[in-house]
Amino acid sequence: MSCAMTLSGKTLTGSDTDELQLVGVLPWRIGRDGERTVLLITSRRQGRWIMPRGAPVKGEPPFVAASRKAFEEAGIIGEISTVPVTAYQYIKVLDEGSQVACRVTVFGMNVRGTLTHWRQKEQRHRRWFSLEAAADKLDDIQLAEFVRTIDSEPGRLEQHNRSEGLRDHHTRGA
């Protein structure tokens, strides 16, 4: 059985387990000091620290849809992995108060640029955090656990970028 739900005007489809499939980006960079940091944004309603995520677009590769969400929600561009780096689950509270299980497939993005003006600038804040601080800010436990493991596996977020050589997949027609 498949389910369909409307969320902010978009119809999202779930799998046989009634779990919504979403895509997201874990934006990262290495600073001048050599420290890896990640960018988090605030959610629109509650101001919680999250990563850019949203519904995939039919007919578009998931990594391109994820990159588009990062561009719209965080105003960032960069090199995105074509292969997911992790996935996690969470419970989303919909506008009418019901809850639905979501599974987010996460792609890493080595951020090369940040815009000063972007589509959701007035609705969200963005901030760079150390890996430990980001993990402490995230409510999504599975994602926080993944962020905590990045230091022990430094190539985990960048290995796909080096092999694929993709750059600036952030907007295709948007």
N, C-alpha and C. Protein backbone atom coordinates (compact mmCIF):
# COMPACT_ATOMS: atom_id res chain seq x y z
N MET A 1 0.83 -1.18 0.00
CA MET A 1 0.00 0.00 0.00
C MET A 1 0.88 1.25 0.00
N SER A 2 0.54 2.18 -0.84
CA SER A 2 1.29 3.43 -0.92
C SER A 2 0.41 4.54 -0.36
N CYS A 3 1.04 5.54 0.23
CA CYS A 3 0.26 6.65 0.75
C CYS A 3 0.71 7.94 0.09
N ALA A 4 -0.17 8.91 0.05
CA ALA A 4 0.18 10.24 -0.45
C ALA A 4 -0.32 11.26 0.56
N MET A 5 0.49 12.25 0.86
CA MET A 5 0.12 13.29 1.81
C MET A 5 0.48 14.63 1.21
N THR A 6 -0.24 15.65 1.62
CA THR A 6 0.07 16.99 1.17
C THR A 6 0.79 17.73 2.28
N LEU A 7 1.92 18.30 1.95
CA LEU A 7 2.75 19.03 2.89
C LEU A 7 3.17 20.33 2.22
N SER A 8 2.70 21.44 2.72
CA SER A 8 3.02 22.75 2.16
C SER A 8 2.76 22.80 0.66
N GLY A 9 1.62 22.25 0.25
CA GLY A 9 1.24 22.32 -1.14
C GLY A 9 1.84 21.27 -2.05
N LYS A 10 2.73 20.41 -1.54
CA LYS A 10 3.35 19.36 -2.36
C LYS A 10 2.77 18.02 -1.94
N THR A 11 2.54 17.17 -2.91
CA THR A 11 2.08 15.82 -2.59
C THR A 11 3.29 14.92 -2.48
N LEU A 12 3.44 14.31 -1.30
CA LEU A 12 4.57 13.42 -1.04
C LEU A 12 4.04 12.00 -1.02
N THR A 13 4.81 11.09 -1.54
CA THR A 13 4.38 9.70 -1.54
C THR A 13 5.23 8.88 -0.59
N GLY A 14 4.59 7.91 0.01
CA GLY A 14 5.28 7.01 0.92
C GLY A 14 5.38 5.64 0.32
N SER A 15 6.17 4.80 0.92
CA SER A 15 6.35 3.44 0.45
C SER A 15 5.31 2.55 1.09
N ASP A 16 5.49 1.25 0.95
CA ASP A 16 4.57 0.30 1.55
C ASP A 16 4.51 0.44 3.07
N THR A 17 5.51 1.01 3.67
CA THR A 17 5.53 1.18 5.11
C THR A 17 4.94 2.53 5.51
N ASP A 18 4.35 3.25 4.56
CA ASP A 18 3.78 4.58 4.81
C ASP A 18 4.82 5.54 5.37
N GLU A 19 6.04 5.41 4.91
CA GLU A 19 7.14 6.26 5.33
C GLU A 19 7.44 7.23 4.18
N LEU A 20 7.41 8.52 4.46
CA LEU A 20 7.71 9.49 3.43
C LEU A 20 9.19 9.46 3.10
N GLN A 21 9.50 9.53 1.82
CA GLN A 21 10.89 9.52 1.36
C GLN A 21 11.30 10.96 1.06
N LEU A 22 12.31 11.45 1.75
CA LEU A 22 12.82 12.79 1.56
C LEU A 22 14.30 12.73 1.21
N VAL A 23 14.84 13.84 0.71
CA VAL A 23 16.27 13.97 0.45
C VAL A 23 16.79 15.16 1.24
N GLY A 24 18.07 15.09 1.61
CA GLY A 24 18.66 16.18 2.37
C GLY A 24 20.13 16.33 2.05
N VAL A 25 20.70 17.44 2.52
CA VAL A 25 22.11 17.74 2.30
C VAL A 25 22.76 18.02 3.65
N LEU A 26 23.92 17.41 3.86
CA LEU A 26 24.75 17.75 4.99
C LEU A 26 25.89 18.61 4.44
N PRO A 27 25.74 19.95 4.54
CA PRO A 27 26.76 20.86 4.01
C PRO A 27 27.98 20.89 4.92
N TRP A 28 29.18 20.85 4.34
CA TRP A 28 30.40 20.86 5.13
C TRP A 28 31.49 21.66 4.42
N ARG A 29 32.50 22.02 5.20
CA ARG A 29 33.68 22.67 4.65
C ARG A 29 34.84 22.44 5.61
N ILE A 30 36.03 22.66 5.12
CA ILE A 30 37.22 22.59 5.96
C ILE A 30 37.77 24.00 6.05
N GLY A 31 37.86 24.52 7.27
CA GLY A 31 38.31 25.89 7.49
C GLY A 31 39.81 26.05 7.33
N ARG A 32 40.26 27.26 7.42
CA ARG A 32 41.69 27.56 7.31
C ARG A 32 42.49 26.84 8.38
N ASP A 33 41.84 26.59 9.52
CA ASP A 33 42.51 25.90 10.62
C ASP A 33 42.53 24.39 10.44
N GLY A 34 41.94 23.91 9.33
CA GLY A 34 41.90 22.48 9.05
C GLY A 34 40.73 21.75 9.71
N GLU A 35 39.90 22.49 10.45
CA GLU A 35 38.76 21.87 11.13
C GLU A 35 37.57 21.75 10.17
N ARG A 36 36.96 20.58 10.18
CA ARG A 36 35.76 20.36 9.38
C ARG A 36 34.56 20.91 10.16
N THR A 37 33.73 21.69 9.48
CA THR A 37 32.51 22.23 10.09
C THR A 37 31.33 21.89 9.21
N VAL A 38 30.13 21.92 9.80
CA VAL A 38 28.91 21.67 9.04
C VAL A 38 27.97 22.85 9.22
N LEU A 39 27.17 23.08 8.20
CA LEU A 39 26.20 24.17 8.21
C LEU A 39 24.84 23.61 8.57
N LEU A 40 24.20 24.23 9.53
CA LEU A 40 22.83 23.89 9.88
C LEU A 40 21.96 25.12 9.65
N ILE A 41 20.68 24.86 9.43
CA ILE A 41 19.70 25.92 9.26
C ILE A 41 18.60 25.71 10.29
N THR A 42 17.82 26.75 10.53
CA THR A 42 16.70 26.60 11.45
C THR A 42 15.45 26.17 10.68
N SER A 43 14.61 25.40 11.37
CA SER A 43 13.32 25.06 10.79
C SER A 43 12.46 26.32 10.78
N ARG A 44 11.49 26.38 9.91
CA ARG A 44 10.69 27.59 9.77
C ARG A 44 9.75 27.82 10.95
N ARG A 45 9.11 26.78 11.44
CA ARG A 45 8.11 26.96 12.49
C ARG A 45 8.68 27.01 13.90
N GLN A 46 9.57 26.10 14.23
CA GLN A 46 10.03 26.00 15.61
C GLN A 46 11.43 26.53 15.85
N GLY A 47 12.16 26.84 14.79
CA GLY A 47 13.51 27.36 14.96
C GLY A 47 14.54 26.34 15.42
N ARG A 48 14.21 25.04 15.24
CA ARG A 48 15.17 23.98 15.60
C ARG A 48 16.27 23.94 14.56
N TRP A 49 17.47 23.48 14.95
CA TRP A 49 18.58 23.35 14.01
C TRP A 49 18.43 22.04 13.25
N ILE A 50 18.41 22.14 11.93
CA ILE A 50 18.24 21.00 11.04
C ILE A 50 19.19 21.15 9.87
N MET A 51 19.18 20.18 8.96
CA MET A 51 19.90 20.32 7.70
C MET A 51 18.86 20.55 6.60
N PRO A 52 19.24 21.14 5.48
CA PRO A 52 18.30 21.32 4.38
C PRO A 52 17.76 19.97 3.91
N ARG A 53 16.44 19.87 3.78
CA ARG A 53 15.83 18.62 3.34
C ARG A 53 14.46 18.91 2.76
N GLY A 54 13.97 17.98 1.96
CA GLY A 54 12.65 18.15 1.36
C GLY A 54 12.30 16.99 0.45
N ALA A 55 11.22 17.16 -0.24
CA ALA A 55 10.70 16.12 -1.12
C ALA A 55 11.53 16.01 -2.39
N PRO A 56 11.78 14.77 -2.83
CA PRO A 56 12.45 14.61 -4.13
C PRO A 56 11.51 15.06 -5.25
N VAL A 57 12.09 15.36 -6.39
CA VAL A 57 11.32 15.79 -7.55
C VAL A 57 11.28 14.64 -8.54
N LYS A 58 10.08 14.26 -8.96
CA LYS A 58 9.94 13.15 -9.90
C LYS A 58 10.73 13.44 -11.18
N GLY A 59 11.49 12.45 -11.62
CA GLY A 59 12.28 12.58 -12.83
C GLY A 59 13.63 13.26 -12.65
N GLU A 60 13.94 13.66 -11.43
CA GLU A 60 15.21 14.33 -11.15
C GLU A 60 16.04 13.43 -10.24
N PRO A 61 17.33 13.28 -10.50
CA PRO A 61 18.15 12.46 -9.60
C PRO A 61 18.05 12.99 -8.16
N PRO A 62 18.02 12.10 -7.18
CA PRO A 62 17.87 12.53 -5.79
C PRO A 62 18.93 13.53 -5.33
N PHE A 63 20.19 13.37 -5.78
CA PHE A 63 21.23 14.30 -5.34
C PHE A 63 20.99 15.70 -5.90
N VAL A 64 20.39 15.81 -7.09
CA VAL A 64 20.08 17.12 -7.67
C VAL A 64 18.94 17.78 -6.88
N ALA A 65 17.93 16.99 -6.54
CA ALA A 65 16.82 17.53 -5.73
C ALA A 65 17.34 17.99 -4.36
N ALA A 66 18.23 17.23 -3.77
CA ALA A 66 18.80 17.60 -2.47
C ALA A 66 19.61 18.89 -2.60
N SER A 67 20.39 19.01 -3.66
CA SER A 67 21.18 20.21 -3.88
C SER A 67 20.28 21.43 -4.06
N ARG A 68 19.17 21.25 -4.75
CA ARG A 68 18.21 22.33 -4.95
C ARG A 68 17.64 22.80 -3.60
N LYS A 69 17.33 21.85 -2.71
CA LYS A 69 16.83 22.22 -1.37
C LYS A 69 17.88 23.02 -0.61
N ALA A 70 19.14 22.64 -0.72
CA ALA A 70 20.21 23.37 -0.04
C ALA A 70 20.32 24.79 -0.58
N PHE A 71 20.15 24.95 -1.88
CA PHE A 71 20.21 26.26 -2.51
C PHE A 71 19.04 27.13 -2.04
N GLU A 72 17.83 26.57 -2.03
CA GLU A 72 16.64 27.31 -1.64
C GLU A 72 16.60 27.64 -0.15
N GLU A 73 16.92 26.64 0.69
CA GLU A 73 16.76 26.80 2.13
C GLU A 73 17.95 27.44 2.82
N ALA A 74 19.17 27.20 2.30
CA ALA A 74 20.37 27.68 2.97
C ALA A 74 21.19 28.66 2.13
N GLY A 75 20.87 28.79 0.85
CA GLY A 75 21.62 29.71 0.01
C GLY A 75 23.06 29.28 -0.21
N ILE A 76 23.26 27.98 -0.45
CA ILE A 76 24.62 27.46 -0.63
C ILE A 76 24.75 26.73 -1.97
N ILE A 77 25.97 26.73 -2.48
CA ILE A 77 26.32 25.96 -3.67
C ILE A 77 27.62 25.22 -3.38
N GLY A 78 27.83 24.13 -4.10
CA GLY A 78 29.07 23.39 -3.90
C GLY A 78 29.07 22.07 -4.62
N GLU A 79 30.02 21.24 -4.26
CA GLU A 79 30.17 19.91 -4.84
C GLU A 79 29.35 18.94 -4.02
N ILE A 80 28.40 18.27 -4.66
CA ILE A 80 27.53 17.34 -3.94
C ILE A 80 27.86 15.91 -4.33
N SER A 81 27.81 15.02 -3.35
CA SER A 81 28.05 13.61 -3.64
C SER A 81 26.85 13.07 -4.41
N THR A 82 27.12 12.17 -5.33
CA THR A 82 26.04 11.56 -6.10
C THR A 82 25.51 10.32 -5.42
N VAL A 83 26.24 9.86 -4.42
CA VAL A 83 25.87 8.68 -3.66
C VAL A 83 25.55 9.13 -2.23
N PRO A 84 24.46 8.64 -1.64
CA PRO A 84 24.14 9.06 -0.27
C PRO A 84 25.25 8.71 0.71
N VAL A 85 25.43 9.59 1.71
CA VAL A 85 26.44 9.34 2.75
C VAL A 85 25.81 8.69 3.97
N THR A 86 24.51 8.85 4.15
CA THR A 86 23.78 8.22 5.25
C THR A 86 22.29 8.39 5.00
N ALA A 87 21.50 7.82 5.87
CA ALA A 87 20.05 8.01 5.87
C ALA A 87 19.61 7.98 7.33
N TYR A 88 18.52 8.65 7.62
CA TYR A 88 17.98 8.61 8.97
C TYR A 88 16.47 8.75 8.91
N GLN A 89 15.83 8.44 10.02
CA GLN A 89 14.38 8.52 10.12
C GLN A 89 13.98 9.49 11.21
N TYR A 90 12.83 10.13 11.03
CA TYR A 90 12.28 10.99 12.06
C TYR A 90 10.77 11.05 11.89
N ILE A 91 10.10 11.57 12.89
CA ILE A 91 8.64 11.74 12.84
C ILE A 91 8.35 13.20 12.57
N LYS A 92 7.61 13.47 11.50
CA LYS A 92 7.25 14.84 11.13
C LYS A 92 5.83 15.12 11.57
N VAL A 93 5.63 16.27 12.19
CA VAL A 93 4.29 16.72 12.55
C VAL A 93 3.80 17.60 11.42
N LEU A 94 2.70 17.20 10.79
CA LEU A 94 2.16 17.93 9.65
C LEU A 94 1.35 19.14 10.13
N ASP A 95 1.01 20.02 9.19
CA ASP A 95 0.32 21.26 9.51
C ASP A 95 -0.98 21.03 10.30
N GLU A 96 -1.71 19.98 9.98
CA GLU A 96 -2.99 19.74 10.68
C GLU A 96 -2.82 18.97 11.98
N GLY A 97 -1.56 18.66 12.35
CA GLY A 97 -1.29 18.03 13.64
C GLY A 97 -1.02 16.53 13.59
N SER A 98 -1.29 15.89 12.45
CA SER A 98 -1.01 14.45 12.36
C SER A 98 0.50 14.24 12.23
N GLN A 99 0.93 13.01 12.43
CA GLN A 99 2.35 12.68 12.37
C GLN A 99 2.58 11.63 11.30
N VAL A 100 3.76 11.68 10.70
CA VAL A 100 4.12 10.71 9.68
C VAL A 100 5.62 10.41 9.81
N ALA A 101 5.96 9.15 9.61
CA ALA A 101 7.37 8.74 9.64
C ALA A 101 8.03 9.17 8.33
N CYS A 102 9.23 9.72 8.43
CA CYS A 102 9.98 10.16 7.26
C CYS A 102 11.34 9.48 7.25
N ARG A 103 11.80 9.15 6.07
CA ARG A 103 13.16 8.63 5.88
C ARG A 103 13.88 9.61 4.98
N VAL A 104 15.00 10.14 5.46
CA VAL A 104 15.76 11.13 4.71
C VAL A 104 17.05 10.49 4.20
N THR A 105 17.23 10.52 2.90
CA THR A 105 18.46 10.08 2.27
C THR A 105 19.36 11.31 2.16
N VAL A 106 20.56 11.23 2.75
CA VAL A 106 21.43 12.39 2.91
C VAL A 106 22.62 12.33 1.96
N PHE A 107 22.86 13.44 1.29
CA PHE A 107 24.00 13.61 0.41
C PHE A 107 24.93 14.66 1.01
N GLY A 108 26.23 14.41 0.96
CA GLY A 108 27.19 15.39 1.46
C GLY A 108 27.44 16.47 0.42
N MET A 109 27.65 17.70 0.87
CA MET A 109 27.98 18.79 -0.04
C MET A 109 29.16 19.57 0.51
N ASN A 110 30.24 19.61 -0.26
CA ASN A 110 31.39 20.44 0.08
C ASN A 110 31.05 21.85 -0.40
N VAL A 111 30.72 22.72 0.53
CA VAL A 111 30.23 24.06 0.20
C VAL A 111 31.36 24.91 -0.36
N ARG A 112 31.10 25.50 -1.52
CA ARG A 112 32.07 26.36 -2.19
C ARG A 112 31.65 27.83 -2.14
N GLY A 113 30.37 28.07 -1.88
CA GLY A 113 29.90 29.45 -1.83
C GLY A 113 28.59 29.59 -1.08
N THR A 114 28.43 30.74 -0.43
CA THR A 114 27.17 31.05 0.25
C THR A 114 26.64 32.36 -0.31
N LEU A 115 25.37 32.39 -0.56
CA LEU A 115 24.73 33.59 -1.10
C LEU A 115 24.37 34.53 0.05
N THR A 116 24.37 35.83 -0.22
CA THR A 116 23.92 36.78 0.79
C THR A 116 22.41 36.93 0.77
N HIS A 117 21.80 36.64 -0.37
CA HIS A 117 20.34 36.69 -0.50
C HIS A 117 19.90 35.38 -1.15
N TRP A 118 18.94 34.70 -0.55
CA TRP A 118 18.42 33.46 -1.10
C TRP A 118 16.94 33.35 -0.78
N ARG A 119 16.27 32.40 -1.41
CA ARG A 119 14.82 32.29 -1.36
C ARG A 119 14.25 32.30 0.06
N GLN A 120 14.79 31.55 0.98
CA GLN A 120 14.21 31.43 2.32
C GLN A 120 14.99 32.19 3.40
N LYS A 121 15.74 33.19 3.00
CA LYS A 121 16.56 33.94 3.96
C LYS A 121 15.73 34.54 5.09
N GLU A 122 14.55 35.05 4.77
CA GLU A 122 13.71 35.69 5.79
C GLU A 122 13.04 34.67 6.71
N GLN A 123 13.08 33.40 6.35
CA GLN A 123 12.39 32.36 7.13
C GLN A 123 13.33 31.51 7.96
N ARG A 124 14.63 31.57 7.69
CA ARG A 124 15.59 30.67 8.34
C ARG A 124 16.88 31.41 8.69
N HIS A 125 17.57 30.87 9.67
CA HIS A 125 18.93 31.31 9.99
C HIS A 125 19.85 30.16 9.60
N ARG A 126 21.09 30.48 9.28
CA ARG A 126 22.08 29.45 9.01
C ARG A 126 23.32 29.76 9.83
N ARG A 127 24.04 28.70 10.22
CA ARG A 127 25.24 28.89 11.02
C ARG A 127 26.15 27.68 10.85
N TRP A 128 27.46 27.95 10.81
CA TRP A 128 28.47 26.91 10.76
C TRP A 128 28.78 26.45 12.18
N PHE A 129 28.87 25.13 12.37
CA PHE A 129 29.16 24.55 13.67
C PHE A 129 30.30 23.55 13.54
N SER A 130 31.06 23.39 14.63
CA SER A 130 31.99 22.27 14.69
C SER A 130 31.16 21.00 14.65
N LEU A 131 31.78 19.87 14.36
CA LEU A 131 31.03 18.62 14.30
C LEU A 131 30.35 18.31 15.62
N GLU A 132 31.06 18.47 16.71
CA GLU A 132 30.50 18.17 18.04
C GLU A 132 29.35 19.11 18.37
N ALA A 133 29.53 20.41 18.10
CA ALA A 133 28.47 21.38 18.39
C ALA A 133 27.24 21.12 17.53
N ALA A 134 27.45 20.76 16.26
CA ALA A 134 26.32 20.46 15.37
C ALA A 134 25.55 19.25 15.88
N ALA A 135 26.27 18.21 16.26
CA ALA A 135 25.62 17.00 16.78
C ALA A 135 24.81 17.33 18.03
N ASP A 136 25.33 18.22 18.88
CA ASP A 136 24.61 18.61 20.08
C ASP A 136 23.35 19.42 19.77
N LYS A 137 23.35 20.17 18.68
CA LYS A 137 22.20 21.01 18.31
C LYS A 137 21.08 20.22 17.63
N LEU A 138 21.44 19.13 16.93
CA LEU A 138 20.46 18.37 16.16
C LEU A 138 19.52 17.56 17.05
N ASP A 139 18.22 17.64 16.78
CA ASP A 139 17.23 16.81 17.48
C ASP A 139 17.15 15.41 16.88
N ASP A 140 17.51 15.29 15.61
CA ASP A 140 17.45 14.00 14.92
C ASP A 140 18.62 13.15 15.40
N ILE A 141 18.34 12.19 16.27
CA ILE A 141 19.37 11.41 16.95
C ILE A 141 20.25 10.65 15.97
N GLN A 142 19.64 10.01 14.97
CA GLN A 142 20.43 9.24 14.00
C GLN A 142 21.37 10.14 13.22
N LEU A 143 20.91 11.31 12.83
CA LEU A 143 21.77 12.24 12.10
C LEU A 143 22.88 12.75 13.01
N ALA A 144 22.56 13.06 14.26
CA ALA A 144 23.57 13.52 15.21
C ALA A 144 24.65 12.46 15.41
N GLU A 145 24.25 11.20 15.50
CA GLU A 145 25.23 10.12 15.65
C GLU A 145 26.14 10.04 14.44
N PHE A 146 25.58 10.22 13.25
CA PHE A 146 26.40 10.20 12.03
C PHE A 146 27.41 11.35 12.06
N VAL A 147 26.96 12.55 12.41
CA VAL A 147 27.85 13.71 12.46
C VAL A 147 29.00 13.45 13.43
N ARG A 148 28.72 12.81 14.55
CA ARG A 148 29.76 12.51 15.54
C ARG A 148 30.82 11.55 14.99
N THR A 149 30.47 10.72 14.00
CA THR A 149 31.43 9.75 13.45
C THR A 149 32.32 10.33 12.35
N ILE A 150 32.01 11.52 11.88
CA ILE A 150 32.75 12.08 10.73
C ILE A 150 34.23 12.25 11.03
N ASP A 151 34.57 12.72 12.23
CA ASP A 151 35.99 12.91 12.56
C ASP A 151 36.78 11.61 12.49
N SER A 152 36.15 10.49 12.87
CA SER A 152 36.87 9.22 12.85
C SER A 152 36.99 8.64 11.44
N GLU A 153 36.18 9.12 10.50
CA GLU A 153 36.24 8.70 9.11
C GLU A 153 36.25 9.94 8.22
N PRO A 154 37.38 10.69 8.19
CA PRO A 154 37.40 11.99 7.53
C PRO A 154 37.00 11.99 6.06
N GLY A 155 37.23 10.91 5.35
CA GLY A 155 36.89 10.89 3.92
C GLY A 155 35.46 10.54 3.63
N ARG A 156 34.69 10.27 4.65
CA ARG A 156 33.32 9.79 4.45
C ARG A 156 32.44 10.76 3.66
N LEU A 157 32.61 12.05 3.87
CA LEU A 157 31.78 13.03 3.17
C LEU A 157 32.35 13.44 1.82
N GLU A 158 33.65 13.24 1.61
CA GLU A 158 34.25 13.74 0.39
C GLU A 158 34.66 12.68 -0.61
N GLN A 159 34.62 11.41 -0.25
CA GLN A 159 35.10 10.38 -1.16
C GLN A 159 34.32 10.33 -2.47
N HIS A 160 33.04 10.54 -2.43
CA HIS A 160 32.24 10.48 -3.66
C HIS A 160 32.48 11.70 -4.53
N ASN A 161 32.75 12.85 -3.91
CA ASN A 161 33.01 14.05 -4.69
C ASN A 161 34.28 13.92 -5.51
N ARG A 162 35.32 13.37 -4.92
CA ARG A 162 36.58 13.23 -5.65
C ARG A 162 36.41 12.30 -6.85
N SER A 163 35.69 11.20 -6.66
CA SER A 163 35.57 10.24 -7.74
C SER A 163 34.61 10.71 -8.83
N GLU A 164 33.63 11.51 -8.47
CA GLU A 164 32.63 11.93 -9.46
C GLU A 164 32.99 13.25 -10.13
N GLY A 165 33.67 14.13 -9.39
CA GLY A 165 34.07 15.41 -9.95
C GLY A 165 32.92 16.33 -10.30
N LEU A 166 31.81 16.22 -9.63
CA LEU A 166 30.66 17.07 -9.93
C LEU A 166 30.76 18.38 -9.17
N ARG A 167 30.40 19.46 -9.82
CA ARG A 167 30.48 20.78 -9.19
C ARG A 167 29.18 21.54 -9.42
N ASP A 168 28.79 22.26 -8.40
CA ASP A 168 27.72 23.25 -8.49
C ASP A 168 26.42 22.71 -9.08
N HIS A 169 26.00 21.54 -8.64
CA HIS A 169 24.68 21.03 -9.01
C HIS A 169 23.69 21.61 -8.02
N HIS A 170 23.24 22.84 -8.26
CA HIS A 170 22.35 23.46 -7.30
C HIS A 170 21.04 23.90 -7.91
N THR A 171 21.04 24.27 -9.15
CA THR A 171 19.78 24.64 -9.79
C THR A 171 19.82 24.17 -11.23
N ARG A 172 18.76 23.54 -11.61
CA ARG A 172 18.59 23.18 -13.01
C ARG A 172 17.19 23.66 -13.35
N GLY A 173 17.10 24.87 -13.83
CA GLY A 173 15.82 25.42 -14.20
C GLY A 173 15.08 26.09 -13.06
N ALA A 174 15.69 26.22 -11.90
CA ALA A 174 14.97 26.86 -10.79
C ALA A 174 15.38 28.30 -10.67
